């Protein structure tokens, strides 16, 4: 999660372009060319596999792993859009820490 967010924040022009495409990141690339859509599906499947394992270990809420992967992707998009909207003033480490906190609130089992 940190690497993904930090990469996008280190490339603000690409991030702005990606955000302005207008698509929901959780639904895949808007204008997929070549293997881009397939790479996106494979990446989401890998993320869902991690969720599946964490659910089986009792760490995360018992929910559809693919849905959790998509929700996480949507959270990334919203958080980064907010960061851009507010002038990219927060340091990347602060944004990553905030994302991790939001993730824990949303997905980590509390019982």
C-alpha atoms as a PDB file:
ATOM      1  CA  UNK A   1       0.000   0.000   0.000  1.00  0.00           C
ATOM      2  CA  UNK A   2       2.746   2.443   0.945  1.00  0.00           C
ATOM      3  CA  UNK A   3       4.739   1.813  -2.227  1.00  0.00           C
ATOM      4  CA  UNK A   4       1.703   2.337  -4.451  1.00  0.00           C
ATOM      5  CA  UNK A   5       0.660   5.576  -2.777  1.00  0.00           C
ATOM      6  CA  UNK A   6       4.212   6.912  -2.545  1.00  0.00           C
ATOM      7  CA  UNK A   7       4.802   6.199  -6.238  1.00  0.00           C
ATOM      8  CA  UNK A   8       1.712   8.144  -7.262  1.00  0.00           C
ATOM      9  CA  UNK A   9       2.569  11.048  -4.949  1.00  0.00           C
ATOM     10  CA  UNK A  10       6.126  11.140  -6.316  1.00  0.00           C
ATOM     11  CA  UNK A  11       4.647  11.545  -9.818  1.00  0.00           C
ATOM     12  CA  UNK A  12       2.012  14.270  -9.318  1.00  0.00           C
ATOM     13  CA  UNK A  13       1.536  14.984 -13.039  1.00  0.00           C
ATOM     14  CA  UNK A  14       0.727  11.332 -13.685  1.00  0.00           C
ATOM     15  CA  UNK A  15      -1.505  11.247 -10.605  1.00  0.00           C
ATOM     16  CA  UNK A  16      -3.491  14.290 -11.749  1.00  0.00           C
ATOM     17  CA  UNK A  17      -3.886  12.797 -15.219  1.00  0.00           C
ATOM     18  CA  UNK A  18      -5.017   9.480 -13.744  1.00  0.00           C
ATOM     19  CA  UNK A  19      -7.533  11.200 -11.456  1.00  0.00           C
ATOM     20  CA  UNK A  20      -8.892  13.382 -14.265  1.00  0.00           C
ATOM     21  CA  UNK A  21      -9.639  10.386 -16.478  1.00  0.00           C
ATOM     22  CA  UNK A  22     -12.840  10.297 -14.504  1.00  0.00           C
ATOM     23  CA  UNK A  23     -13.121   6.554 -14.063  1.00  0.00           C
ATOM     24  CA  UNK A  24     -13.575   4.681 -10.844  1.00  0.00           C
ATOM     25  CA  UNK A  25     -10.244   2.992 -10.167  1.00  0.00           C
ATOM     26  CA  UNK A  26     -12.054   0.053  -8.566  1.00  0.00           C
ATOM     27  CA  UNK A  27     -13.742  -0.703 -11.903  1.00  0.00           C
ATOM     28  CA  UNK A  28     -10.565  -0.814 -13.949  1.00  0.00           C
ATOM     29  CA  UNK A  29      -8.901   1.380 -16.547  1.00  0.00           C
ATOM     30  CA  UNK A  30     -11.215   3.689 -18.488  1.00  0.00           C
ATOM     31  CA  UNK A  31      -9.340   3.446 -21.776  1.00  0.00           C
ATOM     32  CA  UNK A  32      -7.610   0.083 -21.525  1.00  0.00           C
ATOM     33  CA  UNK A  33      -5.127  -0.621 -24.292  1.00  0.00           C
ATOM     34  CA  UNK A  34      -3.279  -3.850 -24.923  1.00  0.00           C
ATOM     35  CA  UNK A  35      -2.707  -5.774 -21.731  1.00  0.00           C
ATOM     36  CA  UNK A  36      -3.566  -2.894 -19.408  1.00  0.00           C
ATOM     37  CA  UNK A  37      -7.012  -4.233 -18.468  1.00  0.00           C
ATOM     38  CA  UNK A  38      -5.645  -7.741 -17.958  1.00  0.00           C
ATOM     39  CA  UNK A  39      -2.804  -6.415 -15.781  1.00  0.00           C
ATOM     40  CA  UNK A  40      -5.355  -4.497 -13.707  1.00  0.00           C
ATOM     41  CA  UNK A  41      -7.490  -7.648 -13.252  1.00  0.00           C
ATOM     42  CA  UNK A  42      -4.435  -9.689 -12.248  1.00  0.00           C
ATOM     43  CA  UNK A  43      -3.356  -7.029  -9.751  1.00  0.00           C
ATOM     44  CA  UNK A  44      -6.807  -6.883  -8.209  1.00  0.00           C
ATOM     45  CA  UNK A  45      -6.913 -10.691  -8.006  1.00  0.00           C
ATOM     46  CA  UNK A  46      -3.575 -10.684  -6.162  1.00  0.00           C
ATOM     47  CA  UNK A  47      -4.908  -8.105  -3.729  1.00  0.00           C
ATOM     48  CA  UNK A  48      -8.074 -10.174  -3.215  1.00  0.00           C
ATOM     49  CA  UNK A  49      -5.897 -13.221  -2.480  1.00  0.00           C
ATOM     50  CA  UNK A  50      -4.157 -11.270   0.284  1.00  0.00           C
ATOM     51  CA  UNK A  51      -7.536 -10.281   1.696  1.00  0.00           C
ATOM     52  CA  UNK A  52      -8.687 -13.915   1.510  1.00  0.00           C
ATOM     53  CA  UNK A  53      -5.665 -15.026   3.533  1.00  0.00           C
ATOM     54  CA  UNK A  54      -6.091 -12.279   6.142  1.00  0.00           C
ATOM     55  CA  UNK A  55      -9.784 -13.137   6.489  1.00  0.00           C
ATOM     56  CA  UNK A  56      -8.929 -16.824   6.959  1.00  0.00           C
ATOM     57  CA  UNK A  57      -6.425 -15.839   9.664  1.00  0.00           C
ATOM     58  CA  UNK A  58      -9.137 -13.829  11.428  1.00  0.00           C
ATOM     59  CA  UNK A  59      -7.364 -10.490  10.989  1.00  0.00           C
ATOM     60  CA  UNK A  60      -9.847  -8.790   8.668  1.00  0.00           C
ATOM     61  CA  UNK A  61     -13.622  -8.632   8.563  1.00  0.00           C
ATOM     62  CA  UNK A  62     -15.355 -11.612   6.971  1.00  0.00           C
ATOM     63  CA  UNK A  63     -16.450 -10.134   3.659  1.00  0.00           C
ATOM     64  CA  UNK A  64     -15.994 -10.817  -0.048  1.00  0.00           C
ATOM     65  CA  UNK A  65     -12.227 -10.463  -0.686  1.00  0.00           C
ATOM     66  CA  UNK A  66     -12.736  -9.002  -4.159  1.00  0.00           C
ATOM     67  CA  UNK A  67     -15.103  -6.373  -2.775  1.00  0.00           C
ATOM     68  CA  UNK A  68     -12.567  -5.447  -0.091  1.00  0.00           C
ATOM     69  CA  UNK A  69      -9.856  -5.121  -2.748  1.00  0.00           C
ATOM     70  CA  UNK A  70     -12.086  -2.814  -4.801  1.00  0.00           C
ATOM     71  CA  UNK A  71     -13.028  -0.775  -1.734  1.00  0.00           C
ATOM     72  CA  UNK A  72      -9.337  -0.338  -0.891  1.00  0.00           C
ATOM     73  CA  UNK A  73      -8.640   0.831  -4.439  1.00  0.00           C
ATOM     74  CA  UNK A  74     -11.511   3.311  -4.188  1.00  0.00           C
ATOM     75  CA  UNK A  75     -10.149   4.550  -0.863  1.00  0.00           C
ATOM     76  CA  UNK A  76      -6.767   5.157  -2.501  1.00  0.00           C
ATOM     77  CA  UNK A  77      -8.413   7.179  -5.261  1.00  0.00           C
ATOM     78  CA  UNK A  78     -10.446   9.319  -2.870  1.00  0.00           C
ATOM     79  CA  UNK A  79      -7.544   9.919  -0.486  1.00  0.00           C
ATOM     80  CA  UNK A  80      -5.177  10.901  -3.295  1.00  0.00           C
ATOM     81  CA  UNK A  81      -7.808  13.146  -4.905  1.00  0.00           C
ATOM     82  CA  UNK A  82      -8.229  14.867  -1.540  1.00  0.00           C
ATOM     83  CA  UNK A  83      -4.460  15.273  -1.249  1.00  0.00           C
ATOM     84  CA  UNK A  84      -4.303  16.898  -4.701  1.00  0.00           C
ATOM     85  CA  UNK A  85      -7.347  19.081  -3.977  1.00  0.00           C
ATOM     86  CA  UNK A  86      -5.653  20.428  -0.845  1.00  0.00           C
ATOM     87  CA  UNK A  87      -2.485  21.408  -2.678  1.00  0.00           C
ATOM     88  CA  UNK A  88      -0.411  18.264  -1.994  1.00  0.00           C
ATOM     89  CA  UNK A  89       0.820  19.854   1.231  1.00  0.00           C
ATOM     90  CA  UNK A  90       0.839  16.749   3.418  1.00  0.00           C
ATOM     91  CA  UNK A  91       4.019  14.715   3.243  1.00  0.00           C
ATOM     92  CA  UNK A  92       3.681  11.317   1.569  1.00  0.00           C
ATOM     93  CA  UNK A  93       4.433   9.507   4.841  1.00  0.00           C
ATOM     94  CA  UNK A  94       1.516  11.366   6.468  1.00  0.00           C
ATOM     95  CA  UNK A  95      -0.825  10.366   3.643  1.00  0.00           C
ATOM     96  CA  UNK A  96       0.293   6.735   3.893  1.00  0.00           C
ATOM     97  CA  UNK A  97      -0.211   6.766   7.669  1.00  0.00           C
ATOM     98  CA  UNK A  98      -3.691   8.204   7.187  1.00  0.00           C
ATOM     99  CA  UNK A  99      -4.534   5.522   4.605  1.00  0.00           C
ATOM    100  CA  UNK A 100      -3.347   2.788   6.951  1.00  0.00           C
ATOM    101  CA  UNK A 101      -5.480   4.240   9.737  1.00  0.00           C
ATOM    102  CA  UNK A 102      -8.541   4.426   7.485  1.00  0.00           C
ATOM    103  CA  UNK A 103      -7.882   0.865   6.312  1.00  0.00           C
ATOM    104  CA  UNK A 104      -7.710  -0.399   9.893  1.00  0.00           C
ATOM    105  CA  UNK A 105     -10.945   1.377  10.792  1.00  0.00           C
ATOM    106  CA  UNK A 106     -12.723  -0.100   7.773  1.00  0.00           C
ATOM    107  CA  UNK A 107     -11.415  -3.654   7.562  1.00  0.00           C
ATOM    108  CA  UNK A 108      -9.633  -4.916  10.687  1.00  0.00           C
ATOM    109  CA  UNK A 109     -11.747  -7.128  12.938  1.00  0.00           C
ATOM    110  CA  UNK A 110     -12.495  -5.530  16.256  1.00  0.00           C
ATOM    111  CA  UNK A 111     -13.712  -8.564  18.210  1.00  0.00           C
END
